[in-house]
N, C-alpha and C. Protein backbone atom coordinates (compact mmCIF):
# COMPACT_ATOMS: atom_id res chain seq x y z
N MET A 1 51.33 124.62 54.60
CA MET A 1 51.93 126.01 55.66
C MET A 1 51.93 125.20 57.30
N THR A 2 50.57 125.03 57.36
CA THR A 2 50.61 124.20 58.51
C THR A 2 51.34 122.76 59.20
N ASN A 3 51.49 121.97 58.17
CA ASN A 3 52.38 121.08 58.55
C ASN A 3 53.92 121.53 58.36
N GLU A 4 54.39 122.33 57.55
CA GLU A 4 55.67 122.65 58.00
C GLU A 4 56.08 123.27 59.68
N LEU A 5 55.06 124.29 59.89
CA LEU A 5 54.77 124.67 61.14
C LEU A 5 54.92 123.47 62.40
N ILE A 6 54.04 122.37 62.35
CA ILE A 6 53.81 121.45 63.11
C ILE A 6 55.47 120.32 63.05
N ASP A 7 55.91 120.57 61.67
CA ASP A 7 57.11 119.82 62.02
C ASP A 7 58.34 120.71 62.66
N PHE A 8 58.26 121.97 62.72
CA PHE A 8 59.32 122.82 63.34
C PHE A 8 59.13 122.35 64.78
N THR A 9 57.56 122.53 65.03
CA THR A 9 57.21 122.51 66.71
C THR A 9 57.45 121.18 66.94
N LEU A 10 57.37 120.02 66.46
CA LEU A 10 57.89 118.74 66.85
C LEU A 10 59.09 118.60 67.24
N VAL A 11 60.04 119.24 66.04
CA VAL A 11 61.81 118.97 66.31
C VAL A 11 61.99 119.82 67.77
N SER A 12 61.33 121.16 67.90
CA SER A 12 61.33 121.86 69.04
C SER A 12 61.22 121.14 70.26
N VAL A 13 60.33 120.20 70.39
CA VAL A 13 59.63 119.62 71.45
C VAL A 13 60.57 118.69 71.43
N ALA A 14 61.15 118.11 70.46
CA ALA A 14 62.05 116.86 70.99
C ALA A 14 63.30 117.89 71.13
N LEU A 15 64.00 118.73 71.00
CA LEU A 15 65.04 119.27 71.50
C LEU A 15 65.04 119.79 72.85
N LEU A 16 63.73 120.34 73.23
CA LEU A 16 63.04 120.79 74.61
C LEU A 16 63.57 119.39 75.61
N GLY A 17 62.99 118.22 74.68
CA GLY A 17 62.77 117.20 76.02
C GLY A 17 64.27 116.64 76.38
N ILE A 18 65.02 116.49 75.20
CA ILE A 18 66.43 115.99 75.12
C ILE A 18 67.38 116.99 75.96
N GLY A 19 67.19 118.27 76.17
CA GLY A 19 68.07 119.10 76.75
C GLY A 19 67.21 119.16 78.21
N ILE A 20 65.81 118.75 78.66
CA ILE A 20 65.69 118.88 80.27
C ILE A 20 65.96 117.23 80.54
N TYR A 21 66.18 116.28 79.78
CA TYR A 21 66.50 114.98 80.08
C TYR A 21 68.25 115.13 80.53
N GLY A 22 68.85 115.84 79.70
CA GLY A 22 70.27 116.31 79.98
C GLY A 22 70.56 117.18 81.36
N LEU A 23 69.30 118.01 81.73
CA LEU A 23 69.62 118.81 82.94
C LEU A 23 69.42 118.07 84.05
N ALA A 24 68.20 116.82 83.89
CA ALA A 24 67.81 116.00 84.85
C ALA A 24 68.72 115.05 85.27
N VAL A 25 69.20 114.35 84.41
CA VAL A 25 70.31 113.35 84.95
C VAL A 25 71.68 113.06 84.95
N LYS A 26 72.33 114.40 84.14
CA LYS A 26 73.66 114.17 83.98
C LYS A 26 74.01 115.18 85.38
N ARG A 27 75.26 114.85 85.43
CA ARG A 27 76.37 115.48 86.81
C ARG A 27 77.26 116.62 86.35
N ASN A 28 77.48 115.84 85.19
CA ASN A 28 78.64 116.78 85.04
C ASN A 28 78.51 118.27 84.30
N PHE A 29 79.33 119.33 84.73
CA PHE A 29 79.03 120.76 84.36
C PHE A 29 78.92 120.89 83.08
N ILE A 30 79.94 120.44 82.44
CA ILE A 30 80.31 120.45 80.68
C ILE A 30 78.97 120.25 79.97
N ARG A 31 78.60 118.77 80.71
CA ARG A 31 77.15 118.02 79.73
C ARG A 31 75.95 118.69 80.26
N MET A 32 75.91 119.73 81.44
CA MET A 32 74.74 120.55 81.90
C MET A 32 74.77 121.65 81.00
N LEU A 33 76.17 122.15 80.73
CA LEU A 33 76.09 123.47 79.95
C LEU A 33 75.66 122.89 78.34
N PHE A 34 76.10 122.16 77.78
CA PHE A 34 75.70 121.56 76.47
C PHE A 34 73.91 121.39 76.36
N ALA A 35 73.26 120.61 77.72
CA ALA A 35 72.02 120.48 77.84
C ALA A 35 71.31 121.81 77.91
N VAL A 36 71.48 122.94 78.53
CA VAL A 36 70.92 124.41 78.38
C VAL A 36 70.93 124.79 77.03
N GLU A 37 72.11 124.70 76.24
CA GLU A 37 72.63 125.08 75.05
C GLU A 37 71.25 124.37 74.17
N ILE A 38 71.39 122.95 74.15
CA ILE A 38 69.79 122.61 73.42
C ILE A 38 68.48 123.09 74.03
N VAL A 39 68.44 123.42 74.95
CA VAL A 39 67.06 123.79 75.46
C VAL A 39 67.00 125.12 74.58
N ILE A 40 67.99 126.21 74.97
CA ILE A 40 68.04 127.91 73.96
C ILE A 40 67.83 127.48 72.41
N ASN A 41 68.62 126.40 72.04
CA ASN A 41 68.56 125.76 70.45
C ASN A 41 66.53 125.80 70.34
N ALA A 42 66.06 124.95 71.16
CA ALA A 42 64.48 124.72 71.04
C ALA A 42 63.87 125.94 71.12
N ALA A 43 64.12 126.79 71.89
CA ALA A 43 63.41 127.87 72.11
C ALA A 43 63.62 129.02 70.54
N ASN A 44 65.05 128.82 70.29
CA ASN A 44 64.98 129.76 69.19
C ASN A 44 64.71 129.00 67.89
N LEU A 45 64.55 127.62 68.03
CA LEU A 45 63.71 127.16 66.64
C LEU A 45 62.18 127.72 66.67
N SER A 46 61.59 127.50 67.69
CA SER A 46 60.14 127.71 68.00
C SER A 46 59.91 129.32 67.57
N LEU A 47 60.94 130.10 67.94
CA LEU A 47 60.61 131.58 67.71
C LEU A 47 61.04 132.09 66.18
N VAL A 48 61.52 131.54 65.38
CA VAL A 48 62.04 131.77 63.97
C VAL A 48 60.91 130.95 63.15
N ALA A 49 60.47 129.55 63.81
CA ALA A 49 59.26 128.84 62.89
C ALA A 49 58.03 129.85 63.02
N PHE A 50 57.67 130.13 64.41
CA PHE A 50 56.35 131.21 64.12
C PHE A 50 56.52 132.63 63.83
N GLY A 51 57.91 133.39 63.63
CA GLY A 51 58.32 134.00 63.00
C GLY A 51 57.99 134.10 61.40
N ARG A 52 58.15 132.82 61.06
CA ARG A 52 57.97 132.84 59.72
C ARG A 52 56.71 132.31 59.48
N PHE A 53 55.72 131.99 60.28
CA PHE A 53 54.33 132.01 59.74
C PHE A 53 53.17 132.91 60.14
N LEU A 54 53.82 133.79 60.95
CA LEU A 54 53.01 134.70 61.95
C LEU A 54 53.40 136.03 61.25
N PRO A 55 52.65 136.72 60.70
CA PRO A 55 53.09 138.27 60.07
C PRO A 55 53.74 139.14 61.64
N HIS A 56 54.17 139.91 61.22
CA HIS A 56 54.58 140.89 62.11
C HIS A 56 54.89 140.30 63.73
N SER A 57 55.50 139.30 63.73
CA SER A 57 55.61 139.02 65.25
C SER A 57 57.01 138.92 65.53
N GLY A 58 57.84 139.22 64.65
CA GLY A 58 59.46 139.72 65.31
C GLY A 58 60.27 138.36 65.62
N GLY A 59 59.83 137.22 65.51
CA GLY A 59 60.29 136.07 65.96
C GLY A 59 62.08 136.23 65.65
N GLN A 60 62.32 136.57 64.00
CA GLN A 60 63.44 136.52 64.15
C GLN A 60 64.23 137.01 64.87
N THR A 61 64.08 138.51 65.01
CA THR A 61 64.51 139.54 65.92
C THR A 61 64.67 138.90 67.48
N LEU A 62 63.79 138.33 67.89
CA LEU A 62 63.77 137.49 69.52
C LEU A 62 65.10 136.59 69.27
N ALA A 63 65.07 135.83 68.26
CA ALA A 63 66.20 134.58 68.33
C ALA A 63 67.45 135.15 68.14
N LEU A 64 67.52 136.18 67.71
CA LEU A 64 69.01 136.78 67.41
C LEU A 64 69.19 137.48 68.63
N PHE A 65 68.33 138.07 69.69
CA PHE A 65 68.67 138.27 71.04
C PHE A 65 68.97 137.36 71.53
N SER A 66 68.29 136.12 71.47
CA SER A 66 68.56 134.79 72.41
C SER A 66 69.82 134.05 71.92
N ILE A 67 70.03 134.18 70.79
CA ILE A 67 71.57 133.48 70.27
C ILE A 67 72.83 134.72 71.20
N ALA A 68 72.53 135.50 71.08
CA ALA A 68 73.32 136.66 71.96
C ALA A 68 73.59 136.36 73.35
N ILE A 69 72.28 136.17 73.76
CA ILE A 69 72.14 135.98 75.31
C ILE A 69 72.97 134.71 75.49
N ALA A 70 72.71 133.78 74.57
CA ALA A 70 72.91 132.19 74.93
C ALA A 70 74.81 132.30 74.66
N ALA A 71 75.22 133.04 73.98
CA ALA A 71 76.81 133.17 73.42
C ALA A 71 77.38 133.86 74.71
N ALA A 72 76.49 134.72 75.55
CA ALA A 72 77.36 135.34 76.90
C ALA A 72 77.48 134.39 77.85
N GLU A 73 76.06 133.66 77.85
CA GLU A 73 75.72 132.42 78.95
C GLU A 73 77.10 131.42 78.82
N VAL A 74 77.26 131.08 77.51
CA VAL A 74 78.33 130.08 77.45
C VAL A 74 79.66 130.49 77.73
N ALA A 75 79.98 131.83 77.81
CA ALA A 75 81.34 132.27 78.13
C ALA A 75 81.54 132.34 79.73
N VAL A 76 80.35 132.85 80.20
CA VAL A 76 80.42 132.75 81.87
C VAL A 76 80.27 131.24 82.49
N GLY A 77 79.79 130.42 81.51
CA GLY A 77 79.63 128.88 82.17
C GLY A 77 80.91 128.56 81.91
N LEU A 78 81.66 128.66 80.71
CA LEU A 78 83.16 128.32 80.78
C LEU A 78 83.88 128.61 81.38
N SER A 79 83.64 130.09 81.84
CA SER A 79 84.51 130.54 82.93
C SER A 79 84.60 129.73 84.31
N LEU A 80 83.06 129.36 84.74
CA LEU A 80 82.82 129.05 85.82
C LEU A 80 83.78 127.61 85.84
N ILE A 81 83.46 126.84 84.61
CA ILE A 81 84.23 125.70 84.68
C ILE A 81 85.62 125.73 84.99
N ILE A 82 85.85 126.69 84.27
CA ILE A 82 87.74 126.50 84.44
C ILE A 82 88.07 126.91 86.01
N VAL A 83 87.47 127.93 86.75
CA VAL A 83 87.49 128.37 88.14
C VAL A 83 87.40 126.85 88.99
N ALA A 84 86.15 126.16 88.68
CA ALA A 84 85.46 125.13 89.32
C ALA A 84 86.96 124.23 89.18
N TYR A 85 87.50 123.72 88.00
CA TYR A 85 88.46 122.63 87.53
C TYR A 85 89.78 122.98 88.66
N ARG A 86 89.83 124.43 88.27
CA ARG A 86 91.13 124.75 89.04
C ARG A 86 90.85 124.74 90.60
N MET A 87 89.95 124.53 91.22
CA MET A 87 89.85 124.33 92.60
C MET A 87 89.78 123.11 93.03
N TYR A 88 89.20 122.00 92.27
CA TYR A 88 89.01 120.94 92.50
C TYR A 88 89.23 119.83 91.84
N GLN A 89 89.95 120.11 90.99
CA GLN A 89 90.65 119.58 89.86
C GLN A 89 89.58 118.09 89.47
N ASN A 90 88.54 118.50 89.20
CA ASN A 90 87.10 117.85 88.44
C ASN A 90 86.15 118.65 87.97
N VAL A 91 84.95 118.56 87.37
CA VAL A 91 83.63 119.23 86.98
C VAL A 91 82.59 118.77 87.31
N ASP A 92 82.65 117.62 88.36
CA ASP A 92 81.63 116.89 88.76
C ASP A 92 80.56 117.66 89.92
N ILE A 93 79.70 117.80 89.56
CA ILE A 93 78.71 118.57 90.38
C ILE A 93 78.55 118.22 92.07
N ALA A 94 78.62 116.77 91.53
CA ALA A 94 78.08 116.42 93.61
C ALA A 94 79.11 116.86 94.33
N ASP A 95 80.34 117.15 93.66
CA ASP A 95 81.68 117.55 94.52
C ASP A 95 81.62 118.63 95.10
N PHE A 96 80.79 119.56 94.42
CA PHE A 96 80.82 121.05 94.72
C PHE A 96 80.07 121.31 96.27
N ARG A 97 80.49 120.49 96.99
CA ARG A 97 79.71 120.80 98.37
C ARG A 97 80.08 122.19 99.48
N SER A 98 81.28 122.79 99.00
CA SER A 98 81.88 123.98 99.43
C SER A 98 81.06 125.29 98.80
N LEU A 99 80.66 124.84 97.85
CA LEU A 99 79.64 126.23 97.13
C LEU A 99 78.21 126.53 97.74
N LYS A 100 77.92 125.52 98.29
CA LYS A 100 76.50 126.00 99.31
C LYS A 100 76.76 127.05 100.45
N GLY A 101 75.63 127.62 100.41
CA GLY A 101 75.48 128.80 101.44
C GLY A 101 75.26 128.59 102.81
């Protein structure tokens, strides 16, 4: 039982590391959006894994809410990508100087 929980946690930590690496290194908005999705999936995996092994924790319910929030985040992110592409003809984060306040 605990070996399975450790396996789920290791996969979740690996996904979190990959997502943080993608956020730190990539400068393309679409790749950064994918990296955020990987981080959210790492959190969902942890919630479901601990919800499976801890009684009355509600991990699956929290994961469903997190998936719904992630879907809304993707819709907003893709709309920002479309607007940025229409304005600048590319989606490179370094070129968005005029968005600074």
